[in-house]
Amino acid sequence: MARNIGSRYTAHQILGRGSAGTVWLGEGPEGPVAIKLLREDLASDQELVGRFVQERTALLGLDHPKVVGVRDLVVDGNDLALVMDLVRGTDLRTRLDRERRLAPEAAVAIIADVADGLAAAHAAGVVHRDVKPENILLDMEGPLGPAGSHPALLTDFGVAKLIDTPRRTKALRPAGANPQNPPTPSGIIGTPDYIAPEIVEGLPPRAAVDIYALATVLYELLAGFTPFGGGHPGAVLRRHVTETVVPLPGIPDELWQLIVQCLAKAPASRLRASELATRLHDLLPLIAGMPPLDVDEPDVEPAPEPYEDAAPAARDEPRRRGAVPLVPGATPADSNRDTHTSMRVPAPDELAGGARGTARAPRTPGQRRPGSARHKADAVRKRRITLGVAALVVAAAVGVGGWLATSDGDTEAPPQDSKQSAPSEP
């Protein structure tokens, strides 16, 4: 059913749903558009509406072929919407779900496109803050690139910043603090698998957080899983801070070193978006024709059970990898990769609680990861077998010893004669 969005646009049908709202296929004065209609609870937040208007100039001015352009921002009654260019295609998550991992050439070509878009955004002073496969669109009508890849465009600029309310940051400003220094945020906005460690530690988001997230997406395209993901979101956040990324077998060292640099814990050690784009483009001839990597996804720690007051459907529905309800009543579809996650910043002692240098290592097919649940189970089985064999050996030894002892007693003490001599007569 069609609905009017402001006075200039009409939304015709739903294209998809996300954490912040619903995307509609719409029509405007200049033709077809995509309209992202934010949730009603967001539209009723007056502070958010104020920021929405403040961000209008920056978002409308972001014009680059690798960025989904924002044409208009609509504030009309209960409607709060971003009107964007219509990209006819799909998102990168859909392709990953279908293919699991991509050939290195295709993966690098896609990430190079996104890095080009980020370079333009960062130059304009705009930080995305939620780079992930769901926010990378593949234009099926655009010219094919290396390895037959479709042009990639980054979308949803400004959405993460819009829904991050300033009220979350005011509580931690100490008395007498210098207003020129930004306060430490008390909440984490983003998607756990792609959040940079400085965000987990409470630092304000800078351009480097987008580079970290984009390198995480590149790792995922190559491996089929993220370097620190899996299990409960709290454990994922801790890994970002405490663990080091484990190498992927089978890729050129130049590509691996690039990934490592962009996943550096220190933001200043990462490449800038323009540098990353240039180096990725330069690497394309080196990896031309390489097949997808052949690695198995690491084992993950078991996720906790949902809250008791969660809806029965949420308890019965099979979980996606890493999807754990964060609030009572939430369903797996409301958490982790599919949505923005709002969590408190872990305390330093909580961050230090994880094992260091034990990132979830990718494995060759059939190989158990040391320390994993399956690896431990194998070890337990081996110990049981060893103990069982040892017990049989001991039992056999005891039996043989008893038999020998019995045989020796019979030899050394012959039986006495049962006949007694008659007494002699006097």
Protein backbone atom coordinates (compact mmCIF):
# COMPACT_ATOMS: atom_id res chain seq x y z
CA MET A 1 0.00 0.00 0.00
CA ALA A 2 1.44 3.38 -1.03
CA ARG A 3 2.05 6.07 1.56
CA ASN A 4 3.18 9.66 1.31
CA ILE A 5 6.51 10.67 2.83
CA GLY A 6 6.42 14.42 3.24
CA SER A 7 4.96 16.35 0.34
CA ARG A 8 7.35 15.22 -2.39
CA TYR A 9 7.73 11.46 -2.06
CA THR A 10 5.57 8.35 -2.20
CA ALA A 11 6.63 4.99 -0.76
CA HIS A 12 5.25 2.05 -2.74
CA GLN A 13 6.66 -1.20 -1.38
CA ILE A 14 9.07 -2.46 1.27
CA LEU A 15 12.52 -3.44 0.01
CA GLY A 16 13.97 -4.48 3.36
CA ARG A 17 14.04 -3.97 7.11
CA GLY A 18 16.99 -2.99 9.26
CA SER A 19 17.83 -2.03 12.82
CA ALA A 20 16.89 1.62 12.41
CA GLY A 21 13.88 1.33 10.17
CA THR A 22 12.37 0.14 6.91
CA VAL A 23 13.61 0.74 3.37
CA TRP A 24 10.93 1.43 0.78
CA LEU A 25 10.93 1.66 -2.99
CA GLY A 26 9.62 5.13 -3.60
CA GLU A 27 9.02 7.81 -6.18
CA GLY A 28 10.07 11.44 -6.11
CA PRO A 29 10.10 14.44 -8.44
CA GLU A 30 13.24 13.09 -10.15
CA GLY A 31 12.18 9.46 -10.43
CA PRO A 32 12.62 6.25 -8.39
CA VAL A 33 14.31 6.53 -5.00
CA ALA A 34 14.97 4.42 -1.92
CA ILE A 35 13.37 5.80 1.23
CA LYS A 36 14.70 4.76 4.64
CA LEU A 37 11.88 5.41 7.09
CA LEU A 38 13.23 5.43 10.64
CA ARG A 39 11.39 3.68 13.46
CA GLU A 40 8.60 5.57 15.19
CA ASP A 41 10.42 5.59 18.53
CA LEU A 42 13.36 7.30 16.83
CA ALA A 43 11.13 9.78 15.04
CA SER A 44 9.54 10.78 18.36
CA ASP A 45 12.94 11.60 19.93
CA GLN A 46 13.26 15.38 19.69
CA GLU A 47 17.00 15.32 20.30
CA LEU A 48 17.43 12.88 17.43
CA VAL A 49 15.27 15.02 15.17
CA GLY A 50 17.47 18.01 16.00
CA ARG A 51 20.63 16.09 15.10
CA PHE A 52 18.89 14.83 11.98
CA VAL A 53 18.45 18.41 10.79
CA GLN A 54 22.01 19.36 11.82
CA GLU A 55 23.47 16.49 9.77
CA ARG A 56 21.45 17.40 6.70
CA THR A 57 24.12 19.55 5.04
CA ALA A 58 26.95 17.05 5.57
CA LEU A 59 24.93 14.08 4.33
CA LEU A 60 23.51 15.84 1.29
CA GLY A 61 26.97 17.06 0.36
CA LEU A 62 28.49 13.57 0.29
CA ASP A 63 28.69 12.89 -3.44
CA HIS A 64 30.82 9.98 -4.68
CA PRO A 65 30.17 7.11 -7.13
CA LYS A 66 30.97 4.53 -4.42
CA VAL A 67 28.59 6.04 -1.88
CA VAL A 68 24.81 5.72 -1.98
CA GLY A 69 23.86 9.38 -2.17
CA VAL A 70 21.37 10.96 0.24
CA ARG A 71 19.02 13.18 -1.77
CA ASP A 72 16.83 14.53 1.00
CA LEU A 73 15.98 14.30 4.68
CA VAL A 74 12.31 14.42 5.53
CA VAL A 75 10.86 15.46 8.89
CA ASP A 76 7.06 15.38 8.67
CA GLY A 77 4.89 14.64 11.69
CA ASN A 78 5.77 11.14 12.83
CA ASP A 79 7.87 10.45 9.74
CA LEU A 80 11.65 10.75 9.81
CA ALA A 81 13.19 9.55 6.55
CA LEU A 82 16.31 9.57 4.44
CA VAL A 83 15.66 9.69 0.70
CA MET A 84 18.52 7.97 -1.12
CA ASP A 85 19.62 6.93 -4.58
CA LEU A 86 18.03 3.65 -5.65
CA VAL A 87 20.61 0.90 -6.18
CA ARG A 88 19.23 -2.05 -8.12
CA GLY A 89 20.98 -5.04 -6.66
CA THR A 90 21.56 -6.76 -3.36
CA ASP A 91 23.72 -6.30 -0.29
CA LEU A 92 27.01 -8.02 0.41
CA ARG A 93 25.57 -10.05 3.29
CA THR A 94 23.14 -11.73 0.89
CA ARG A 95 26.01 -12.71 -1.39
CA LEU A 96 28.05 -14.01 1.56
CA ASP A 97 25.11 -16.07 2.78
CA ARG A 98 24.89 -17.62 -0.66
CA GLU A 99 28.61 -18.19 -1.39
CA ARG A 100 30.10 -18.25 2.15
CA ARG A 101 33.41 -16.79 0.93
CA LEU A 102 34.66 -15.04 -2.20
CA ALA A 103 37.71 -15.44 -4.38
CA PRO A 104 40.45 -13.05 -3.16
CA GLU A 105 40.32 -10.97 -6.35
CA ALA A 106 36.57 -10.34 -6.02
CA ALA A 107 36.87 -9.65 -2.29
CA VAL A 108 39.68 -7.14 -2.74
CA ALA A 109 37.87 -5.39 -5.63
CA ILE A 110 34.75 -4.91 -3.49
CA ILE A 111 36.69 -3.59 -0.49
CA ALA A 112 38.72 -1.27 -2.74
CA ASP A 113 35.44 0.26 -3.98
CA VAL A 114 34.24 0.83 -0.41
CA ALA A 115 37.62 2.28 0.61
CA ASP A 116 37.30 4.78 -2.25
CA GLY A 117 33.92 5.84 -0.89
CA LEU A 118 35.22 6.08 2.66
CA ALA A 119 38.12 8.24 1.51
CA ALA A 120 35.67 10.79 0.12
CA ALA A 121 33.53 10.66 3.26
CA HIS A 122 36.46 11.07 5.63
CA ALA A 123 37.76 13.98 3.57
CA ALA A 124 34.35 15.62 4.12
CA GLY A 125 34.56 14.95 7.86
CA VAL A 126 31.93 12.18 7.87
CA VAL A 127 32.57 8.91 9.76
CA HIS A 128 30.28 6.00 8.92
CA ARG A 129 30.60 4.10 12.24
CA ASP A 130 28.78 0.96 11.10
CA VAL A 131 30.63 -0.54 8.13
CA LYS A 132 29.47 -4.13 7.63
CA PRO A 133 28.26 -6.36 4.75
CA GLU A 134 24.64 -5.32 5.30
CA ASN A 135 25.60 -1.71 4.52
CA ILE A 136 27.52 -2.51 1.33
CA LEU A 137 25.31 -2.69 -1.76
CA LEU A 138 26.23 -4.42 -5.02
CA ASP A 139 24.97 -2.63 -8.12
CA MET A 140 23.78 -5.39 -10.46
CA GLU A 141 23.31 -2.90 -13.29
CA GLY A 142 26.82 -1.48 -13.09
CA PRO A 143 29.85 -2.60 -15.15
CA LEU A 144 31.57 -5.76 -13.95
CA GLY A 145 34.95 -5.38 -12.29
CA PRO A 146 37.78 -7.82 -11.47
CA ALA A 147 36.68 -11.46 -11.13
CA GLY A 148 33.22 -10.45 -12.37
CA SER A 149 32.47 -8.42 -9.23
CA HIS A 150 29.67 -5.87 -9.31
CA PRO A 151 30.41 -2.28 -8.23
CA ALA A 152 30.13 -1.89 -4.45
CA LEU A 153 28.59 1.16 -2.78
CA LEU A 154 28.50 2.05 0.91
CA THR A 155 25.14 3.06 2.32
CA ASP A 156 23.58 4.20 5.63
CA PHE A 157 26.01 7.04 6.27
CA GLY A 158 24.98 8.97 9.35
CA VAL A 159 22.45 6.45 10.66
CA ALA A 160 24.66 5.15 13.48
CA LYS A 161 25.49 8.70 14.54
CA LEU A 162 21.85 9.75 14.41
CA ILE A 163 20.61 6.99 16.70
CA ASP A 164 23.45 7.45 19.22
CA THR A 165 21.84 9.88 21.64
CA PRO A 166 24.07 12.42 23.43
CA ARG A 167 22.38 11.56 26.73
CA ARG A 168 24.52 8.42 26.81
CA THR A 169 27.69 10.53 27.01
CA LYS A 170 26.72 13.19 29.53
CA ALA A 171 26.72 10.95 32.60
CA LEU A 172 30.44 10.20 32.49
CA ARG A 173 31.69 13.80 32.16
CA PRO A 174 33.53 14.47 35.45
CA ALA A 175 32.92 17.66 37.37
CA GLY A 176 35.17 20.43 36.14
CA ALA A 177 36.11 18.53 32.98
CA ASN A 178 37.43 20.53 30.07
CA PRO A 179 34.50 20.94 27.65
CA GLN A 180 37.00 20.95 24.79
CA ASN A 181 37.80 17.30 25.52
CA PRO A 182 35.07 14.93 24.39
CA PRO A 183 33.52 12.81 27.16
CA THR A 184 33.92 9.08 27.29
CA PRO A 185 30.78 7.40 25.89
CA SER A 186 28.99 5.04 28.22
CA GLY A 187 27.35 3.05 25.44
CA ILE A 188 28.54 1.14 22.40
CA ILE A 189 26.69 1.68 19.15
CA GLY A 190 27.52 -0.64 16.30
CA THR A 191 27.62 -4.31 15.36
CA PRO A 192 29.88 -6.41 17.64
CA ASP A 193 31.84 -8.29 14.97
CA TYR A 194 33.02 -5.02 13.37
CA ILE A 195 33.54 -2.67 16.33
CA ALA A 196 37.03 -1.20 16.69
CA PRO A 197 38.78 -1.77 20.05
CA GLU A 198 38.93 1.94 20.86
CA ILE A 199 35.12 2.05 20.78
CA VAL A 200 34.98 -0.83 23.26
CA GLU A 201 37.38 1.08 25.52
CA GLY A 202 35.18 4.16 25.44
CA LEU A 203 37.06 6.45 23.06
CA PRO A 204 35.15 8.65 20.58
CA PRO A 205 34.83 7.28 17.04
CA ARG A 206 37.26 8.67 14.47
CA ALA A 207 37.85 7.76 10.83
CA ALA A 208 40.09 4.85 11.89
CA VAL A 209 37.07 2.90 13.21
CA ASP A 210 35.79 2.61 9.63
CA ILE A 211 39.16 1.24 8.46
CA TYR A 212 39.11 -1.41 11.20
CA ALA A 213 35.56 -2.43 10.30
CA LEU A 214 36.36 -2.55 6.58
CA ALA A 215 39.41 -4.76 7.20
CA THR A 216 37.17 -7.04 9.25
CA VAL A 217 34.77 -7.28 6.30
CA LEU A 218 37.69 -8.11 3.98
CA TYR A 219 38.80 -10.88 6.35
CA GLU A 220 35.24 -12.20 6.39
CA LEU A 221 34.98 -12.19 2.59
CA LEU A 222 38.18 -14.24 2.38
CA ALA A 223 37.59 -16.62 5.30
CA GLY A 224 33.83 -16.89 5.58
CA PHE A 225 33.88 -15.65 9.20
CA THR A 226 35.05 -12.58 11.08
CA PRO A 227 38.37 -12.63 12.99
CA PHE A 228 36.93 -12.00 16.45
CA GLY A 229 33.26 -12.95 16.08
CA GLY A 230 31.25 -15.87 17.43
CA GLY A 231 29.54 -16.48 20.76
CA HIS A 232 28.13 -13.88 23.10
CA PRO A 233 28.54 -10.21 22.05
CA GLY A 234 30.37 -9.44 25.30
CA ALA A 235 32.99 -12.05 24.47
CA VAL A 236 33.29 -10.64 20.95
CA LEU A 237 33.94 -7.14 22.29
CA ARG A 238 36.61 -8.47 24.65
CA ARG A 239 38.39 -10.25 21.80
CA HIS A 240 38.65 -7.02 19.83
CA VAL A 241 40.66 -5.52 22.69
CA THR A 242 42.71 -8.47 23.95
CA GLU A 243 43.33 -10.88 21.08
CA THR A 244 45.49 -10.79 17.98
CA VAL A 245 44.27 -11.81 14.56
CA VAL A 246 45.43 -15.21 13.33
CA PRO A 247 46.81 -15.51 9.76
CA LEU A 248 44.73 -16.89 6.93
CA PRO A 249 46.57 -19.63 5.06
CA GLY A 250 46.90 -19.35 1.31
CA ILE A 251 46.95 -15.59 0.67
CA PRO A 252 49.96 -13.50 -0.41
CA ASP A 253 51.96 -11.96 2.39
CA GLU A 254 51.40 -8.47 0.96
CA LEU A 255 47.64 -8.85 1.34
CA TRP A 256 47.95 -10.33 4.81
CA GLN A 257 50.21 -7.53 6.06
CA LEU A 258 47.69 -5.03 4.75
CA ILE A 259 44.90 -6.69 6.75
CA VAL A 260 47.07 -6.84 9.89
CA GLN A 261 47.92 -3.15 9.66
CA CYS A 262 44.29 -2.14 9.28
CA LEU A 263 43.30 -4.36 12.25
CA ALA A 264 45.92 -2.78 14.50
CA LYS A 265 44.69 -2.08 18.03
CA ALA A 266 46.15 1.44 17.92
CA PRO A 267 44.05 3.65 15.58
CA ALA A 268 47.10 5.68 14.53
CA SER A 269 48.77 2.53 13.17
CA ARG A 270 46.04 1.90 10.61
CA LEU A 271 46.08 3.10 7.03
CA ARG A 272 43.94 5.97 5.89
CA ALA A 273 41.08 5.12 3.54
CA SER A 274 42.80 6.62 0.51
CA GLU A 275 45.99 4.65 1.24
CA LEU A 276 44.01 1.45 1.72
CA ALA A 277 42.17 1.93 -1.59
CA THR A 278 45.41 2.53 -3.50
CA ARG A 279 47.17 -0.51 -2.07
CA LEU A 280 44.17 -2.76 -2.69
CA HIS A 281 43.97 -1.69 -6.32
CA ASP A 282 47.71 -2.38 -6.67
CA LEU A 283 47.26 -5.90 -5.25
CA LEU A 284 44.61 -6.98 -7.76
CA PRO A 285 47.05 -8.30 -10.42
CA LEU A 286 48.88 -10.35 -7.77
CA ILE A 287 45.76 -12.29 -6.76
CA ALA A 288 44.08 -12.59 -10.15
CA GLY A 289 42.63 -16.07 -10.68
CA MET A 290 43.16 -17.29 -7.08
CA PRO A 291 40.39 -19.65 -5.90
CA PRO A 292 38.51 -19.06 -2.64
CA LEU A 293 40.39 -20.13 0.48
CA ASP A 294 39.75 -23.57 1.96
CA VAL A 295 39.52 -23.05 5.72
CA ASP A 296 36.99 -24.19 8.30
CA GLU A 297 35.24 -21.83 10.67
CA PRO A 298 36.66 -22.01 14.22
CA ASP A 299 34.61 -23.45 17.04
CA VAL A 300 32.83 -20.87 19.18
CA GLU A 301 31.98 -20.86 22.85
CA PRO A 302 28.39 -21.85 23.61
CA ALA A 303 25.99 -18.93 23.85
CA PRO A 304 24.02 -18.39 27.07
CA GLU A 305 20.35 -19.22 27.18
CA PRO A 306 17.88 -16.40 26.46
CA TYR A 307 16.33 -14.52 29.36
CA GLU A 308 13.49 -16.34 31.07
CA ASP A 309 10.98 -13.69 30.06
CA ALA A 310 11.93 -13.89 26.40
CA ALA A 311 9.10 -14.83 24.10
CA PRO A 312 8.70 -18.59 23.54
CA ALA A 313 9.27 -18.12 19.82
CA ALA A 314 12.64 -16.55 20.58
CA ARG A 315 13.69 -19.59 22.61
CA ASP A 316 12.52 -22.08 20.02
CA GLU A 317 13.90 -20.32 16.94
CA PRO A 318 17.36 -21.57 15.89
CA ARG A 319 20.03 -18.95 16.46
CA ARG A 320 22.24 -17.51 13.78
CA ARG A 321 25.91 -17.64 14.61
CA GLY A 322 26.60 -15.16 17.39
CA ALA A 323 23.03 -13.93 17.64
CA VAL A 324 22.24 -13.60 21.34
CA PRO A 325 19.43 -11.50 22.81
CA LEU A 326 20.86 -8.48 24.63
CA VAL A 327 17.68 -7.29 26.29
CA PRO A 328 14.69 -9.14 27.77
CA GLY A 329 12.12 -9.98 25.14
CA ALA A 330 14.50 -9.55 22.21
CA THR A 331 14.75 -12.14 19.50
CA PRO A 332 17.94 -13.29 17.80
CA ALA A 333 17.01 -11.25 14.74
CA ASP A 334 17.21 -8.10 16.88
CA SER A 335 20.84 -8.51 17.86
CA ASN A 336 24.43 -8.78 16.69
CA ARG A 337 25.01 -8.47 12.95
CA ASP A 338 21.44 -7.60 12.01
CA THR A 339 21.22 -4.53 14.22
CA HIS A 340 23.06 -1.83 16.01
CA THR A 341 24.02 -3.08 19.46
CA SER A 342 23.83 -0.71 22.41
CA MET A 343 25.88 -1.99 25.34
CA ARG A 344 27.74 -0.41 28.23
CA VAL A 345 31.48 -0.11 27.90
CA PRO A 346 33.13 -3.04 29.76
CA ALA A 347 35.25 -2.17 32.78
CA PRO A 348 39.06 -2.55 32.43
CA ASP A 349 39.11 -5.66 34.62
CA GLU A 350 36.48 -7.28 32.41
CA LEU A 351 38.46 -6.52 29.28
CA ALA A 352 41.58 -7.95 30.89
CA GLY A 353 39.78 -11.14 31.78
CA GLY A 354 40.14 -12.75 28.36
CA ALA A 355 43.05 -14.85 27.20
CA ARG A 356 45.57 -12.79 25.26
CA GLY A 357 46.85 -13.82 21.89
CA THR A 358 44.34 -16.61 21.50
CA ALA A 359 42.24 -15.39 18.64
CA ARG A 360 39.98 -17.93 17.00
CA ALA A 361 42.38 -19.57 14.59
CA PRO A 362 41.15 -20.69 11.18
CA ARG A 363 41.82 -24.35 10.48
CA THR A 364 42.39 -26.51 7.47
CA PRO A 365 39.40 -28.81 6.91
CA GLY A 366 39.17 -31.64 9.44
CA GLN A 367 41.71 -30.14 11.83
CA ARG A 368 40.70 -29.38 15.41
CA ARG A 369 41.57 -25.96 16.83
CA PRO A 370 43.68 -26.23 20.04
CA GLY A 371 41.56 -25.24 23.00
CA SER A 372 38.27 -25.62 21.16
CA ALA A 373 35.38 -27.63 22.54
CA ARG A 374 35.90 -30.39 19.98
CA HIS A 375 39.64 -30.43 20.60
CA LYS A 376 39.02 -30.76 24.35
CA ALA A 377 36.47 -33.50 23.73
CA ASP A 378 39.01 -35.40 21.65
CA ALA A 379 41.56 -35.02 24.44
CA VAL A 380 39.08 -36.31 27.01
CA ARG A 381 38.33 -39.35 24.84
CA LYS A 382 42.03 -40.05 24.42
CA ARG A 383 42.59 -39.82 28.19
CA ARG A 384 39.69 -42.16 28.83
CA ILE A 385 41.03 -44.67 26.34
CA THR A 386 44.50 -44.43 27.86
CA LEU A 387 43.14 -44.89 31.40
CA GLY A 388 41.00 -47.80 30.26
CA VAL A 389 43.95 -49.57 28.66
CA ALA A 390 46.05 -48.91 31.76
CA ALA A 391 43.32 -50.36 33.97
CA LEU A 392 43.15 -53.50 31.84
CA VAL A 393 46.93 -53.89 32.02
CA VAL A 394 46.89 -53.49 35.81
CA ALA A 395 44.01 -55.94 36.16
CA ALA A 396 45.79 -58.47 33.98
CA ALA A 397 49.00 -58.05 35.96
CA VAL A 398 47.16 -58.56 39.26
CA GLY A 399 45.47 -61.70 37.94
CA VAL A 400 48.71 -63.22 36.70
CA GLY A 401 50.43 -62.37 39.98
CA GLY A 402 47.72 -64.08 41.99
CA TRP A 403 47.92 -67.19 39.86
CA LEU A 404 51.71 -67.37 40.29
CA ALA A 405 51.40 -66.91 44.04
CA THR A 406 48.94 -69.80 44.27
CA SER A 407 51.10 -72.08 42.16
CA ASP A 408 54.21 -71.44 44.30
CA GLY A 409 52.37 -72.31 47.57
CA ASP A 410 51.29 -75.69 46.18
CA THR A 411 54.87 -76.61 45.25
CA GLU A 412 56.57 -75.68 48.50
CA ALA A 413 54.02 -77.27 50.90
CA PRO A 414 53.09 -80.80 49.76
CA PRO A 415 49.96 -82.24 51.34
CA GLN A 416 50.35 -84.40 54.46
CA ASP A 417 49.55 -88.18 54.45
CA SER A 418 46.01 -88.76 55.55
CA LYS A 419 46.85 -92.17 57.03
CA GLN A 420 47.93 -92.32 60.72
CA SER A 421 50.15 -95.10 62.12
CA ALA A 422 48.52 -97.36 64.68
CA PRO A 423 49.90 -97.17 68.19
CA SER A 424 52.28 -100.00 69.08
CA GLU A 425 51.21 -102.52 71.67
CA PRO A 426 53.14 -102.65 74.81
